[in-house]
Each structure stands twice: as C-alpha cells, then as structure tokens.
Amino acid sequence: MTIIEKYMEDLMEEAREEGFKEGFKEGFEEGFKEGMEKRSLEIAKYLIKTGKPLNEVARLTQLDIKQLKKL
C-alpha cells in the first residue's frame, strides 16, 4: 500500500466515523483520479520537453500515445 493509498484510506475511515454520506467517497475518489491524471499530464509535458521518446513517456506516465501527441 502506497502512502497516498494509506492517506486515502485514513480519510475515508474518518469520514465514515463523522457520518459523511456515501457521496463523499465517490466525489473524493473521482477528484483524486482527476488530480492524478492532471499531474500525469504535467509530468508528460516535462518529459517531452526534455526529449524523452513518446513511447517511454507513455510507459512512465501510463498515458495513451494519442494523448501525448496532443501535448
């Protein structure tokens, strides 16, 4: 389990204890996913600027080559 996954798990447990509705979990997970994708795109832009081949950037960021070509 990564630090981020542990942090998410701790937040979810705290939310359950405080009585938040199930919608919190779904919203949090969706927001987290969107944030991670945004960060992956930022990293991909940097790697492309440094001259890394697109196939390597795709492997490192787990983004699709088609997405990378648009950057």
Protein backbone atom coordinates (compact mmCIF):
# COMPACT_ATOMS: atom_id res chain seq x y z
CA MET A 1 0.00 0.00 0.00
CA THR A 2 1.40 3.36 -1.02
CA ILE A 3 1.45 6.42 1.22
CA ILE A 4 -1.28 8.00 -0.90
CA GLU A 5 -3.47 4.92 -0.68
CA LYS A 6 -2.97 4.81 3.10
CA TYR A 7 -3.83 8.51 3.32
CA MET A 8 -6.99 7.97 1.27
CA GLU A 9 -7.94 5.01 3.46
CA ASP A 10 -7.43 7.08 6.62
CA LEU A 11 -9.54 9.93 5.21
CA MET A 12 -12.33 7.56 4.27
CA GLU A 13 -12.35 5.99 7.73
CA GLU A 14 -12.50 9.41 9.34
CA ALA A 15 -15.36 10.41 7.03
CA ARG A 16 -17.32 7.28 7.98
CA GLU A 17 -16.76 7.95 11.65
CA GLU A 18 -18.03 11.51 11.29
CA GLY A 19 -21.13 10.37 9.42
CA PHE A 20 -20.49 11.71 5.93
CA LYS A 21 -22.75 10.31 3.23
CA GLU A 22 -21.58 7.80 0.62
CA GLY A 23 -21.44 10.64 -1.94
CA PHE A 24 -18.32 11.94 -0.20
CA LYS A 25 -16.43 8.75 -1.02
CA GLU A 26 -17.43 8.83 -4.66
CA GLY A 27 -16.65 12.52 -5.02
CA PHE A 28 -13.31 12.16 -3.28
CA GLU A 29 -12.26 9.22 -5.43
CA GLU A 30 -13.33 10.99 -8.63
CA GLY A 31 -11.49 14.16 -7.64
CA PHE A 32 -8.40 12.19 -6.70
CA LYS A 33 -8.43 10.37 -10.03
CA GLU A 34 -8.78 13.64 -11.95
CA GLY A 35 -5.95 15.17 -9.95
CA MET A 36 -3.66 12.22 -10.65
CA GLU A 37 -4.42 12.41 -14.38
CA LYS A 38 -3.70 16.15 -14.40
CA ARG A 39 -0.38 15.53 -12.64
CA SER A 40 0.50 12.76 -15.12
CA LEU A 41 -0.11 15.20 -17.97
CA GLU A 42 2.16 17.79 -16.32
CA ILE A 43 4.90 15.19 -15.90
CA ALA A 44 4.44 14.04 -19.51
CA LYS A 45 4.83 17.62 -20.78
CA TYR A 46 8.07 17.96 -18.84
CA LEU A 47 9.44 14.63 -20.10
CA ILE A 48 8.56 15.52 -23.70
CA LYS A 49 10.33 18.88 -23.33
CA THR A 50 13.45 17.06 -22.09
CA GLY A 51 13.46 14.95 -25.26
CA LYS A 52 12.18 11.61 -23.97
CA PRO A 53 10.63 9.42 -26.68
CA LEU A 54 6.82 9.27 -26.62
CA ASN A 55 6.76 5.53 -26.04
CA GLU A 56 8.91 5.96 -22.93
CA VAL A 57 6.78 8.87 -21.68
CA ALA A 58 3.67 6.73 -22.22
CA ARG A 59 5.21 3.89 -20.25
CA LEU A 60 6.28 6.13 -17.37
CA THR A 61 3.05 8.12 -17.09
CA GLN A 62 0.64 5.37 -18.17
CA LEU A 63 -0.93 7.80 -20.63
CA ASP A 64 -2.02 6.92 -24.16
CA ILE A 65 0.30 7.85 -27.05
CA LYS A 66 -2.64 9.69 -28.70
CA GLN A 67 -2.95 11.92 -25.61
CA LEU A 68 0.77 12.59 -25.65
CA LYS A 69 0.79 13.59 -29.32
CA LYS A 70 -1.76 16.32 -28.49
CA LEU A 71 0.64 17.84 -25.99
